[in-house]
PDB file of N, CA and C in Angstrom:
ATOM      1  N   MET A   1     -46.299  83.279  -6.025  1.00  0.00           N
ATOM      2  CA  MET A   1     -45.137  82.770  -4.791  1.00  0.00           C
ATOM      3  C   MET A   1     -45.702  81.357  -4.699  1.00  0.00           C
ATOM      4  N   THR A   2     -44.238  80.492  -4.849  1.00  0.00           N
ATOM      5  CA  THR A   2     -44.848  78.548  -4.267  1.00  0.00           C
ATOM      6  C   THR A   2     -45.318  78.530  -2.827  1.00  0.00           C
ATOM      7  N   PRO A   3     -46.069  77.847  -2.492  1.00  0.00           N
ATOM      8  CA  PRO A   3     -46.459  77.296  -0.995  1.00  0.00           C
ATOM      9  C   PRO A   3     -45.186  76.829  -0.543  1.00  0.00           C
ATOM     10  N   LEU A   4     -44.346  75.473  -1.475  1.00  0.00           N
ATOM     11  CA  LEU A   4     -43.735  74.689  -1.525  1.00  0.00           C
ATOM     12  C   LEU A   4     -42.215  75.654  -0.466  1.00  0.00           C
ATOM     13  N   THR A   5     -41.840  74.644   0.504  1.00  0.00           N
ATOM     14  CA  THR A   5     -40.477  74.916   0.808  1.00  0.00           C
ATOM     15  C   THR A   5     -39.145  75.200   0.496  1.00  0.00           C
ATOM     16  N   LYS A   6     -37.912  75.612   0.677  1.00  0.00           N
ATOM     17  CA  LYS A   6     -36.891  75.643   0.252  1.00  0.00           C
ATOM     18  C   LYS A   6     -36.571  74.102  -0.165  1.00  0.00           C
ATOM     19  N   ASP A   7     -36.907  73.053   1.215  1.00  0.00           N
ATOM     20  CA  ASP A   7     -35.935  71.796   1.249  1.00  0.00           C
ATOM     21  C   ASP A   7     -37.006  71.159  -0.214  1.00  0.00           C
ATOM     22  N   GLU A   8     -38.573  70.896   0.200  1.00  0.00           N
ATOM     23  CA  GLU A   8     -39.123  70.475  -0.898  1.00  0.00           C
ATOM     24  C   GLU A   8     -38.852  71.199  -2.527  1.00  0.00           C
ATOM     25  N   LEU A   9     -39.178  72.323  -3.132  1.00  0.00           N
ATOM     26  CA  LEU A   9     -38.596  72.288  -4.404  1.00  0.00           C
ATOM     27  C   LEU A   9     -37.038  71.772  -4.530  1.00  0.00           C
ATOM     28  N   ALA A  10     -36.132  71.998  -3.672  1.00  0.00           N
ATOM     29  CA  ALA A  10     -35.011  71.287  -4.082  1.00  0.00           C
ATOM     30  C   ALA A  10     -35.083  69.951  -4.689  1.00  0.00           C
ATOM     31  N   GLU A  11     -35.931  69.232  -3.947  1.00  0.00           N
ATOM     32  CA  GLU A  11     -36.300  67.710  -3.598  1.00  0.00           C
ATOM     33  C   GLU A  11     -36.966  67.173  -5.024  1.00  0.00           C
ATOM     34  N   LEU A  12     -37.836  68.199  -5.474  1.00  0.00           N
ATOM     35  CA  LEU A  12     -38.909  68.534  -6.938  1.00  0.00           C
ATOM     36  C   LEU A  12     -37.859  68.964  -7.885  1.00  0.00           C
ATOM     37  N   ARG A  13     -36.808  69.847  -7.986  1.00  0.00           N
ATOM     38  CA  ARG A  13     -35.817  69.862  -8.725  1.00  0.00           C
ATOM     39  C   ARG A  13     -35.118  68.783  -8.874  1.00  0.00           C
ATOM     40  N   GLU A  14     -34.603  67.598  -8.280  1.00  0.00           N
ATOM     41  CA  GLU A  14     -33.540  66.868  -8.327  1.00  0.00           C
ATOM     42  C   GLU A  14     -34.653  65.855  -9.060  1.00  0.00           C
ATOM     43  N   GLU A  15     -35.884  65.507  -8.999  1.00  0.00           N
ATOM     44  CA  GLU A  15     -36.220  64.526  -9.416  1.00  0.00           C
ATOM     45  C   GLU A  15     -36.717  65.299 -10.776  1.00  0.00           C
ATOM     46  N   LEU A  16     -37.320  66.118 -10.819  1.00  0.00           N
ATOM     47  CA  LEU A  16     -37.141  66.495 -12.481  1.00  0.00           C
ATOM     48  C   LEU A  16     -35.827  66.646 -13.465  1.00  0.00           C
ATOM     49  N   GLU A  17     -35.173  66.613 -12.631  1.00  0.00           N
ATOM     50  CA  GLU A  17     -33.549  66.859 -13.352  1.00  0.00           C
ATOM     51  C   GLU A  17     -32.992  65.016 -13.740  1.00  0.00           C
ATOM     52  N   ARG A  18     -33.775  64.051 -12.355  1.00  0.00           N
ATOM     53  CA  ARG A  18     -33.281  63.408 -13.045  1.00  0.00           C
ATOM     54  C   ARG A  18     -34.324  62.646 -13.935  1.00  0.00           C
ATOM     55  N   GLN A  19     -35.758  63.190 -14.275  1.00  0.00           N
ATOM     56  CA  GLN A  19     -36.304  62.931 -14.938  1.00  0.00           C
ATOM     57  C   GLN A  19     -36.315  63.141 -16.490  1.00  0.00           C
ATOM     58  N   LEU A  20     -35.794  64.228 -16.569  1.00  0.00           N
ATOM     59  CA  LEU A  20     -34.828  64.233 -17.820  1.00  0.00           C
ATOM     60  C   LEU A  20     -33.815  64.129 -18.175  1.00  0.00           C
ATOM     61  N   ALA A  21     -32.779  63.692 -17.537  1.00  0.00           N
ATOM     62  CA  ALA A  21     -31.779  62.831 -18.095  1.00  0.00           C
ATOM     63  C   ALA A  21     -31.957  61.724 -17.735  1.00  0.00           C
ATOM     64  N   ARG A  22     -33.130  61.120 -17.601  1.00  0.00           N
ATOM     65  CA  ARG A  22     -33.951  59.243 -17.820  1.00  0.00           C
ATOM     66  C   ARG A  22     -34.657  59.730 -19.009  1.00  0.00           C
ATOM     67  N   LEU A  23     -35.036  61.376 -19.650  1.00  0.00           N
ATOM     68  CA  LEU A  23     -35.761  61.142 -20.707  1.00  0.00           C
ATOM     69  C   LEU A  23     -34.701  61.185 -22.153  1.00  0.00           C
ATOM     70  N   LEU A  24     -34.206  62.200 -21.826  1.00  0.00           N
ATOM     71  CA  LEU A  24     -33.030  62.246 -22.873  1.00  0.00           C
ATOM     72  C   LEU A  24     -31.977  60.884 -23.508  1.00  0.00           C
ATOM     73  N   ARG A  25     -31.955  60.000 -22.310  1.00  0.00           N
ATOM     74  CA  ARG A  25     -31.087  59.019 -22.920  1.00  0.00           C
ATOM     75  C   ARG A  25     -32.140  57.725 -23.267  1.00  0.00           C
ATOM     76  N   SER A  26     -32.966  57.797 -23.017  1.00  0.00           N
ATOM     77  CA  SER A  26     -34.387  56.912 -23.939  1.00  0.00           C
ATOM     78  C   SER A  26     -34.423  57.350 -24.803  1.00  0.00           C
ATOM     79  N   ILE A  27     -34.471  59.157 -25.575  1.00  0.00           N
ATOM     80  CA  ILE A  27     -34.782  59.988 -26.725  1.00  0.00           C
ATOM     81  C   ILE A  27     -33.629  59.031 -27.266  1.00  0.00           C
ATOM     82  N   GLU A  28     -32.937  59.962 -27.100  1.00  0.00           N
ATOM     83  CA  GLU A  28     -31.465  59.622 -27.741  1.00  0.00           C
ATOM     84  C   GLU A  28     -31.905  57.909 -28.601  1.00  0.00           C
ATOM     85  N   SER A  29     -32.175  56.975 -27.499  1.00  0.00           N
ATOM     86  CA  SER A  29     -31.544  55.599 -27.951  1.00  0.00           C
ATOM     87  C   SER A  29     -32.790  54.641 -29.044  1.00  0.00           C
ATOM     88  N   SER A  30     -34.745  55.995 -28.811  1.00  0.00           N
ATOM     89  CA  SER A  30     -35.113  55.185 -30.001  1.00  0.00           C
ATOM     90  C   SER A  30     -34.922  55.996 -31.219  1.00  0.00           C
ATOM     91  N   GLU A  31     -34.465  56.483 -31.052  1.00  0.00           N
ATOM     92  CA  GLU A  31     -34.007  57.649 -32.243  1.00  0.00           C
ATOM     93  C   GLU A  31     -33.273  56.699 -33.486  1.00  0.00           C
ATOM     94  N   ALA A  32     -32.389  56.147 -33.140  1.00  0.00           N
ATOM     95  CA  ALA A  32     -32.234  54.826 -33.910  1.00  0.00           C
ATOM     96  C   ALA A  32     -32.949  53.615 -34.501  1.00  0.00           C
ATOM     97  N   ALA A  33     -33.764  53.061 -33.896  1.00  0.00           N
ATOM     98  CA  ALA A  33     -35.094  52.317 -34.206  1.00  0.00           C
ATOM     99  C   ALA A  33     -36.424  53.737 -34.641  1.00  0.00           C
ATOM    100  N   LEU A  34     -35.148  55.065 -35.371  1.00  0.00           N
ATOM    101  CA  LEU A  34     -36.741  55.402 -35.657  1.00  0.00           C
ATOM    102  C   LEU A  34     -36.381  55.307 -37.744  1.00  0.00           C
ATOM    103  N   ALA A  35     -35.254  55.226 -37.894  1.00  0.00           N
ATOM    104  CA  ALA A  35     -34.772  54.753 -38.822  1.00  0.00           C
ATOM    105  C   ALA A  35     -35.716  54.109 -40.478  1.00  0.00           C
ATOM    106  N   PRO A  36     -35.439  54.684 -41.312  1.00  0.00           N
ATOM    107  CA  PRO A  36     -36.736  54.272 -42.061  1.00  0.00           C
ATOM    108  C   PRO A  36     -36.153  52.440 -42.468  1.00  0.00           C
ATOM    109  N   VAL A  37     -37.649  51.196 -42.236  1.00  0.00           N
ATOM    110  CA  VAL A  37     -37.115  50.593 -42.315  1.00  0.00           C
ATOM    111  C   VAL A  37     -37.024  49.634 -44.546  1.00  0.00           C
ATOM    112  N   GLU A  38     -35.556  49.466 -43.861  1.00  0.00           N
ATOM    113  CA  GLU A  38     -35.369  48.766 -45.124  1.00  0.00           C
ATOM    114  C   GLU A  38     -36.029  47.523 -46.297  1.00  0.00           C
ATOM    115  N   LEU A  39     -36.636  48.054 -46.984  1.00  0.00           N
ATOM    116  CA  LEU A  39     -37.575  46.478 -47.646  1.00  0.00           C
ATOM    117  C   LEU A  39     -36.096  45.883 -48.645  1.00  0.00           C
ATOM    118  N   ASP A  40     -35.500  44.608 -47.454  1.00  0.00           N
ATOM    119  CA  ASP A  40     -35.030  43.754 -48.322  1.00  0.00           C
ATOM    120  C   ASP A  40     -35.187  42.864 -48.766  1.00  0.00           C
ATOM    121  N   GLN A  41     -35.342  42.378 -49.991  1.00  0.00           N
ATOM    122  CA  GLN A  41     -35.914  41.393 -50.711  1.00  0.00           C
ATOM    123  C   GLN A  41     -35.522  40.136 -50.476  1.00  0.00           C
ATOM    124  N   SER A  42     -33.960  40.608 -49.442  1.00  0.00           N
ATOM    125  CA  SER A  42     -33.279  38.522 -49.470  1.00  0.00           C
ATOM    126  C   SER A  42     -33.536  38.253 -47.577  1.00  0.00           C
ATOM    127  N   ARG A  43     -34.186  39.025 -47.304  1.00  0.00           N
ATOM    128  CA  ARG A  43     -34.300  38.879 -45.560  1.00  0.00           C
ATOM    129  C   ARG A  43     -35.310  37.897 -45.529  1.00  0.00           C
ATOM    130  N   VAL A  44     -35.979  37.412 -43.857  1.00  0.00           N
ATOM    131  CA  VAL A  44     -36.754  35.603 -44.624  1.00  0.00           C
ATOM    132  C   VAL A  44     -37.673  36.516 -44.916  1.00  0.00           C
ATOM    133  N   GLY A  45     -39.265  37.133 -44.968  1.00  0.00           N
ATOM    134  CA  GLY A  45     -39.849  37.452 -46.121  1.00  0.00           C
ATOM    135  C   GLY A  45     -40.732  38.703 -45.307  1.00  0.00           C
ATOM    136  N   ARG A  46     -41.651  38.254 -45.743  1.00  0.00           N
ATOM    137  CA  ARG A  46     -42.703  39.669 -45.448  1.00  0.00           C
ATOM    138  C   ARG A  46     -43.399  39.793 -44.110  1.00  0.00           C
ATOM    139  N   LEU A  47     -43.868  38.876 -43.508  1.00  0.00           N
ATOM    140  CA  LEU A  47     -43.958  38.965 -41.922  1.00  0.00           C
ATOM    141  C   LEU A  47     -43.101  39.040 -41.509  1.00  0.00           C
ATOM    142  N   SER A  48     -41.641  39.698 -41.881  1.00  0.00           N
ATOM    143  CA  SER A  48     -40.764  40.323 -40.805  1.00  0.00           C
ATOM    144  C   SER A  48     -40.574  41.512 -41.496  1.00  0.00           C
ATOM    145  N   ARG A  49     -41.127  41.977 -42.546  1.00  0.00           N
ATOM    146  CA  ARG A  49     -40.852  43.422 -42.778  1.00  0.00           C
ATOM    147  C   ARG A  49     -42.208  44.095 -41.845  1.00  0.00           C
ATOM    148  N   MET A  50     -43.291  43.257 -41.839  1.00  0.00           N
ATOM    149  CA  MET A  50     -44.254  43.670 -41.239  1.00  0.00           C
ATOM    150  C   MET A  50     -44.137  43.405 -39.673  1.00  0.00           C
ATOM    151  N   ASP A  51     -43.388  43.349 -39.075  1.00  0.00           N
ATOM    152  CA  ASP A  51     -43.040  43.794 -37.709  1.00  0.00           C
ATOM    153  C   ASP A  51     -41.970  43.895 -37.192  1.00  0.00           C
ATOM    154  N   GLU A  52     -41.568  44.370 -37.755  1.00  0.00           N
ATOM    155  CA  GLU A  52     -40.358  45.496 -38.715  1.00  0.00           C
ATOM    156  C   GLU A  52     -40.616  47.108 -38.589  1.00  0.00           C
ATOM    157  N   LEU A  53     -42.230  46.753 -39.435  1.00  0.00           N
ATOM    158  CA  LEU A  53     -42.297  47.689 -39.497  1.00  0.00           C
ATOM    159  C   LEU A  53     -44.065  48.075 -38.265  1.00  0.00           C
ATOM    160  N   GLN A  54     -44.401  47.275 -37.746  1.00  0.00           N
ATOM    161  CA  GLN A  54     -45.144  47.326 -36.613  1.00  0.00           C
ATOM    162  C   GLN A  54     -44.026  48.227 -35.368  1.00  0.00           C
ATOM    163  N   ASN A  55     -43.566  47.459 -35.286  1.00  0.00           N
ATOM    164  CA  ASN A  55     -41.933  47.826 -34.175  1.00  0.00           C
ATOM    165  C   ASN A  55     -42.010  48.916 -34.424  1.00  0.00           C
ATOM    166  N   GLN A  56     -41.898  50.047 -35.156  1.00  0.00           N
ATOM    167  CA  GLN A  56     -41.399  50.825 -35.829  1.00  0.00           C
ATOM    168  C   GLN A  56     -42.189  52.066 -35.641  1.00  0.00           C
ATOM    169  N   SER A  57     -43.170  51.523 -35.841  1.00  0.00           N
ATOM    170  CA  SER A  57     -44.299  52.114 -34.821  1.00  0.00           C
ATOM    171  C   SER A  57     -44.979  52.421 -33.693  1.00  0.00           C
ATOM    172  N   LEU A  58     -45.001  51.811 -33.765  1.00  0.00           N
ATOM    173  CA  LEU A  58     -44.526  51.514 -31.692  1.00  0.00           C
ATOM    174  C   LEU A  58     -43.652  52.076 -31.027  1.00  0.00           C
ATOM    175  N   THR A  59     -42.672  52.195 -31.785  1.00  0.00           N
ATOM    176  CA  THR A  59     -41.196  53.000 -31.265  1.00  0.00           C
ATOM    177  C   THR A  59     -41.767  54.429 -31.760  1.00  0.00           C
ATOM    178  N   ARG A  60     -42.472  55.043 -32.715  1.00  0.00           N
ATOM    179  CA  ARG A  60     -42.342  55.726 -32.982  1.00  0.00           C
ATOM    180  C   ARG A  60     -43.797  56.756 -31.639  1.00  0.00           C
ATOM    181  N   ASN A  61     -44.323  56.069 -31.672  1.00  0.00           N
ATOM    182  CA  ASN A  61     -45.599  56.248 -30.664  1.00  0.00           C
ATOM    183  C   ASN A  61     -45.336  56.469 -29.236  1.00  0.00           C
ATOM    184  N   LEU A  62     -44.451  55.741 -28.772  1.00  0.00           N
ATOM    185  CA  LEU A  62     -43.426  55.291 -27.614  1.00  0.00           C
ATOM    186  C   LEU A  62     -42.357  57.418 -27.461  1.00  0.00           C
ATOM    187  N   HIS A  63     -41.831  57.219 -28.974  1.00  0.00           N
ATOM    188  CA  HIS A  63     -40.940  58.981 -29.365  1.00  0.00           C
ATOM    189  C   HIS A  63     -41.714  59.607 -28.952  1.00  0.00           C
ATOM    190  N   GLU A  64     -43.232  59.885 -29.592  1.00  0.00           N
ATOM    191  CA  GLU A  64     -43.517  61.477 -29.472  1.00  0.00           C
ATOM    192  C   GLU A  64     -44.146  62.097 -28.197  1.00  0.00           C
ATOM    193  N   ARG A  65     -44.355  60.785 -27.212  1.00  0.00           N
ATOM    194  CA  ARG A  65     -45.389  60.759 -25.572  1.00  0.00           C
ATOM    195  C   ARG A  65     -43.750  61.331 -24.737  1.00  0.00           C
ATOM    196  N   GLU A  66     -42.793  60.837 -25.220  1.00  0.00           N
ATOM    197  CA  GLU A  66     -41.394  61.233 -24.982  1.00  0.00           C
ATOM    198  C   GLU A  66     -41.414  62.004 -24.864  1.00  0.00           C
ATOM    199  N   GLU A  67     -41.277  62.781 -25.774  1.00  0.00           N
ATOM    200  CA  GLU A  67     -41.133  64.190 -26.948  1.00  0.00           C
ATOM    201  C   GLU A  67     -41.815  65.041 -25.574  1.00  0.00           C
ATOM    202  N   ILE A  68     -43.538  65.078 -25.649  1.00  0.00           N
ATOM    203  CA  ILE A  68     -44.455  65.290 -24.818  1.00  0.00           C
ATOM    204  C   ILE A  68     -43.527  65.423 -23.145  1.00  0.00           C
ATOM    205  N   ARG A  69     -43.339  64.796 -23.282  1.00  0.00           N
ATOM    206  CA  ARG A  69     -43.337  64.536 -21.268  1.00  0.00           C
ATOM    207  C   ARG A  69     -41.763  65.455 -21.594  1.00  0.00           C
ATOM    208  N   LEU A  70     -40.451  65.019 -22.230  1.00  0.00           N
ATOM    209  CA  LEU A  70     -39.793  66.384 -22.235  1.00  0.00           C
ATOM    210  C   LEU A  70     -40.321  67.849 -22.003  1.00  0.00           C
ATOM    211  N   THR A  71     -41.299  68.687 -22.679  1.00  0.00           N
ATOM    212  CA  THR A  71     -41.243  69.112 -22.519  1.00  0.00           C
ATOM    213  C   THR A  71     -42.320  70.198 -21.767  1.00  0.00           C
ATOM    214  N   LEU A  72     -42.726  68.878 -20.707  1.00  0.00           N
ATOM    215  CA  LEU A  72     -43.544  68.912 -19.685  1.00  0.00           C
ATOM    216  C   LEU A  72     -42.687  69.719 -18.940  1.00  0.00           C
ATOM    217  N   ILE A  73     -41.631  68.486 -18.730  1.00  0.00           N
ATOM    218  CA  ILE A  73     -40.595  69.000 -17.273  1.00  0.00           C
ATOM    219  C   ILE A  73     -39.457  70.073 -17.423  1.00  0.00           C
ATOM    220  N   ARG A  74     -39.392  70.170 -19.054  1.00  0.00           N
ATOM    221  CA  ARG A  74     -38.628  70.854 -19.170  1.00  0.00           C
ATOM    222  C   ARG A  74     -39.367  72.651 -18.346  1.00  0.00           C
ATOM    223  N   ASN A  75     -40.946  72.686 -19.310  1.00  0.00           N
ATOM    224  CA  ASN A  75     -41.765  73.727 -18.343  1.00  0.00           C
ATOM    225  C   ASN A  75     -41.529  73.981 -17.109  1.00  0.00           C
ATOM    226  N   ALA A  76     -41.778  72.811 -16.188  1.00  0.00           N
ATOM    227  CA  ALA A  76     -41.373  72.918 -15.107  1.00  0.00           C
ATOM    228  C   ALA A  76     -40.537  73.273 -14.419  1.00  0.00           C
ATOM    229  N   LEU A  77     -38.784  72.745 -15.338  1.00  0.00           N
ATOM    230  CA  LEU A  77     -37.803  73.935 -14.836  1.00  0.00           C
ATOM    231  C   LEU A  77     -37.866  75.349 -14.676  1.00  0.00           C
ATOM    232  N   ALA A  78     -38.558  75.758 -16.120  1.00  0.00           N
ATOM    233  CA  ALA A  78     -38.659  76.845 -16.044  1.00  0.00           C
ATOM    234  C   ALA A  78     -39.429  77.651 -15.270  1.00  0.00           C
ATOM    235  N   ARG A  79     -41.070  77.126 -14.520  1.00  0.00           N
ATOM    236  CA  ARG A  79     -41.500  77.587 -13.884  1.00  0.00           C
ATOM    237  C   ARG A  79     -40.526  77.630 -12.531  1.00  0.00           C
ATOM    238  N   MET A  80     -40.328  76.534 -12.516  1.00  0.00           N
ATOM    239  CA  MET A  80     -39.474  77.022 -11.257  1.00  0.00           C
ATOM    240  C   MET A  80     -38.487  78.791 -10.806  1.00  0.00           C
ATOM    241  N   GLU A  81     -37.740  78.255 -11.975  1.00  0.00           N
ATOM    242  CA  GLU A  81     -36.749  78.949 -12.601  1.00  0.00           C
ATOM    243  C   GLU A  81     -37.230  80.969 -12.224  1.00  0.00           C
ATOM    244  N   GLU A  82     -38.344  80.902 -12.919  1.00  0.00           N
ATOM    245  CA  GLU A  82     -39.256  81.883 -12.334  1.00  0.00           C
ATOM    246  C   GLU A  82     -40.333  82.525 -10.689  1.00  0.00           C
ATOM    247  N   GLY A  83     -40.182  80.916 -11.155  1.00  0.00           N
ATOM    248  CA  GLY A  83     -41.056  81.058  -9.192  1.00  0.00           C
ATOM    249  C   GLY A  83     -42.508  80.786  -9.153  1.00  0.00           C
ATOM    250  N   THR A  84     -42.620  80.636 -10.550  1.00  0.00           N
ATOM    251  CA  THR A  84     -44.207  80.231 -10.343  1.00  0.00           C
ATOM    252  C   THR A  84     -44.657  78.448 -10.040  1.00  0.00           C
ATOM    253  N   PHE A  85     -43.580  78.193 -10.009  1.00  0.00           N
ATOM    254  CA  PHE A  85     -44.124  76.529  -9.937  1.00  0.00           C
ATOM    255  C   PHE A  85     -44.487  76.164  -8.672  1.00  0.00           C
ATOM    256  N   GLY A  86     -45.104  75.222  -8.644  1.00  0.00           N
ATOM    257  CA  GLY A  86     -46.217  74.935  -7.464  1.00  0.00           C
ATOM    258  C   GLY A  86     -47.466  75.664  -6.740  1.00  0.00           C
ATOM    259  N   VAL A  87     -48.279  76.588  -8.383  1.00  0.00           N
ATOM    260  CA  VAL A  87     -48.758  77.115  -8.076  1.00  0.00           C
ATOM    261  C   VAL A  87     -49.479  77.129  -9.445  1.00  0.00           C
ATOM    262  N   CYS A  88     -50.929  76.961  -8.973  1.00  0.00           N
ATOM    263  CA  CYS A  88     -52.283  76.387  -9.963  1.00  0.00           C
ATOM    264  C   CYS A  88     -52.557  77.667 -10.828  1.00  0.00           C
ATOM    265  N   GLU A  89     -52.765  76.585 -12.251  1.00  0.00           N
ATOM    266  CA  GLU A  89     -52.353  77.996 -13.124  1.00  0.00           C
ATOM    267  C   GLU A  89     -53.785  78.069 -13.626  1.00  0.00           C
ATOM    268  N   ALA A  90     -54.754  77.494 -12.877  1.00  0.00           N
ATOM    269  CA  ALA A  90     -56.224  77.692 -13.913  1.00  0.00           C
ATOM    270  C   ALA A  90     -56.637  78.792 -12.287  1.00  0.00           C
ATOM    271  N   CYS A  91     -56.749  78.252 -11.156  1.00  0.00           N
ATOM    272  CA  CYS A  91     -57.034  79.205  -9.921  1.00  0.00           C
ATOM    273  C   CYS A  91     -55.727  80.023  -9.074  1.00  0.00           C
ATOM    274  N   GLY A  92     -54.833  79.506  -8.994  1.00  0.00           N
ATOM    275  CA  GLY A  92     -54.046  80.595  -8.381  1.00  0.00           C
ATOM    276  C   GLY A  92     -53.491  80.157  -6.778  1.00  0.00           C
ATOM    277  N   ASP A  93     -54.109  79.323  -6.496  1.00  0.00           N
ATOM    278  CA  ASP A  93     -53.725  78.242  -5.336  1.00  0.00           C
ATOM    279  C   ASP A  93     -52.466  77.426  -6.066  1.00  0.00           C
ATOM    280  N   GLY A  94     -52.260  77.439  -4.254  1.00  0.00           N
ATOM    281  CA  GLY A  94     -51.053  75.921  -4.363  1.00  0.00           C
ATOM    282  C   GLY A  94     -51.261  74.995  -4.613  1.00  0.00           C
ATOM    283  N   ILE A  95     -50.649  74.204  -5.303  1.00  0.00           N
ATOM    284  CA  ILE A  95     -50.202  72.643  -5.546  1.00  0.00           C
ATOM    285  C   ILE A  95     -49.608  71.611  -4.478  1.00  0.00           C
ATOM    286  N   PRO A  96     -50.869  71.151  -4.434  1.00  0.00           N
ATOM    287  CA  PRO A  96     -50.017  70.632  -2.642  1.00  0.00           C
ATOM    288  C   PRO A  96     -48.938  69.814  -2.964  1.00  0.00           C
ATOM    289  N   TYR A  97     -47.940  69.733  -2.452  1.00  0.00           N
ATOM    290  CA  TYR A  97     -47.178  68.927  -2.496  1.00  0.00           C
ATOM    291  C   TYR A  97     -47.029  67.769  -2.938  1.00  0.00           C
ATOM    292  N   GLU A  98     -47.201  67.070  -2.485  1.00  0.00           N
ATOM    293  CA  GLU A  98     -48.032  65.063  -2.324  1.00  0.00           C
ATOM    294  C   GLU A  98     -47.709  65.145  -4.250  1.00  0.00           C
ATOM    295  N   ARG A  99     -48.890  66.206  -4.610  1.00  0.00           N
ATOM    296  CA  ARG A  99     -49.256  66.022  -6.070  1.00  0.00           C
ATOM    297  C   ARG A  99     -47.933  66.509  -6.647  1.00  0.00           C
ATOM    298  N   LEU A 100     -47.388  67.181  -6.792  1.00  0.00           N
ATOM    299  CA  LEU A 100     -46.256  67.093  -7.203  1.00  0.00           C
ATOM    300  C   LEU A 100     -45.061  66.255  -7.266  1.00  0.00           C
ATOM    301  N   LEU A 101     -44.697  65.308  -5.815  1.00  0.00           N
ATOM    302  CA  LEU A 101     -44.089  64.119  -6.064  1.00  0.00           C
ATOM    303  C   LEU A 101     -44.310  63.331  -6.846  1.00  0.00           C
ATOM    304  N   VAL A 102     -45.641  62.873  -7.154  1.00  0.00           N
ATOM    305  CA  VAL A 102     -46.525  61.670  -8.052  1.00  0.00           C
ATOM    306  C   VAL A 102     -46.083  63.001  -9.477  1.00  0.00           C
ATOM    307  N   PHE A 103     -46.483  63.679  -9.998  1.00  0.00           N
ATOM    308  CA  PHE A 103     -46.712  64.468 -10.903  1.00  0.00           C
ATOM    309  C   PHE A 103     -45.699  65.953 -10.945  1.00  0.00           C
ATOM    310  N   PRO A 104     -44.561  66.155 -11.133  1.00  0.00           N
ATOM    311  CA  PRO A 104     -43.333  67.255 -10.442  1.00  0.00           C
ATOM    312  C   PRO A 104     -43.892  67.798 -11.673  1.00  0.00           C
ATOM    313  N   GLU A 105     -45.084  67.616 -13.298  1.00  0.00           N
ATOM    314  CA  GLU A 105     -44.817  68.668 -14.340  1.00  0.00           C
ATOM    315  C   GLU A 105     -46.273  69.034 -14.051  1.00  0.00           C
ATOM    316  N   ALA A 106     -46.926  68.551 -12.607  1.00  0.00           N
ATOM    317  CA  ALA A 106     -48.139  69.605 -12.680  1.00  0.00           C
ATOM    318  C   ALA A 106     -48.132  70.694 -12.785  1.00  0.00           C
ATOM    319  N   THR A 107     -49.737  71.254 -13.768  1.00  0.00           N
ATOM    320  CA  THR A 107     -49.174  72.597 -13.797  1.00  0.00           C
ATOM    321  C   THR A 107     -51.370  73.184 -12.723  1.00  0.00           C
ATOM    322  N   GLU A 108     -51.452  72.045 -12.489  1.00  0.00           N
ATOM    323  CA  GLU A 108     -52.685  72.514 -11.714  1.00  0.00           C
ATOM    324  C   GLU A 108     -53.160  71.719 -10.813  1.00  0.00           C
ATOM    325  N   CYS A 109     -53.593  72.346  -9.652  1.00  0.00           N
ATOM    326  CA  CYS A 109     -54.463  71.558  -8.211  1.00  0.00           C
ATOM    327  C   CYS A 109     -55.103  70.466  -8.833  1.00  0.00           C
ATOM    328  N   GLY A 110     -55.028  69.962  -7.379  1.00  0.00           N
ATOM    329  CA  GLY A 110     -56.315  68.431  -7.530  1.00  0.00           C
ATOM    330  C   GLY A 110     -57.354  68.925  -8.115  1.00  0.00           C
ATOM    331  N   ASP A 111     -57.823  70.315  -7.623  1.00  0.00           N
ATOM    332  CA  ASP A 111     -59.152  70.325  -7.777  1.00  0.00           C
ATOM    333  C   ASP A 111     -59.873  70.876  -9.752  1.00  0.00           C
ATOM    334  N   CYS A 112     -58.951  72.097  -9.896  1.00  0.00           N
ATOM    335  CA  CYS A 112     -58.412  72.167 -11.354  1.00  0.00           C
ATOM    336  C   CYS A 112     -58.090  71.204 -12.204  1.00  0.00           C
ATOM    337  N   GLY A 113     -57.480  70.403 -12.008  1.00  0.00           N
ATOM    338  CA  GLY A 113     -57.275  69.340 -12.745  1.00  0.00           C
ATOM    339  C   GLY A 113     -57.245  68.051 -12.644  1.00  0.00           C
TER     340      GLY A 113
END
């Protein structure tokens, strides 16, 4: 059972849902930037293509991090539904509300994580 109050849980749920919506928008917009780089020889030159490939690589890394964060947030919301949100998976103690405010998808208390 979570040591959090109903108000704390509601606030954390709202924050997780805000972060989820923001991530979904970001992922959607970054997917267009992940399209294969066209090697058009009539373009400015080799450096432009290299810049484009480098930008695509940075976007891919960001996209991968966002996908991981998306999974963490969805898992946190699932734990809320199960009633295990706010309970440390390592020791079973409660995760402090202050920690969850900063990192709402946390699965461990400060001592274990």
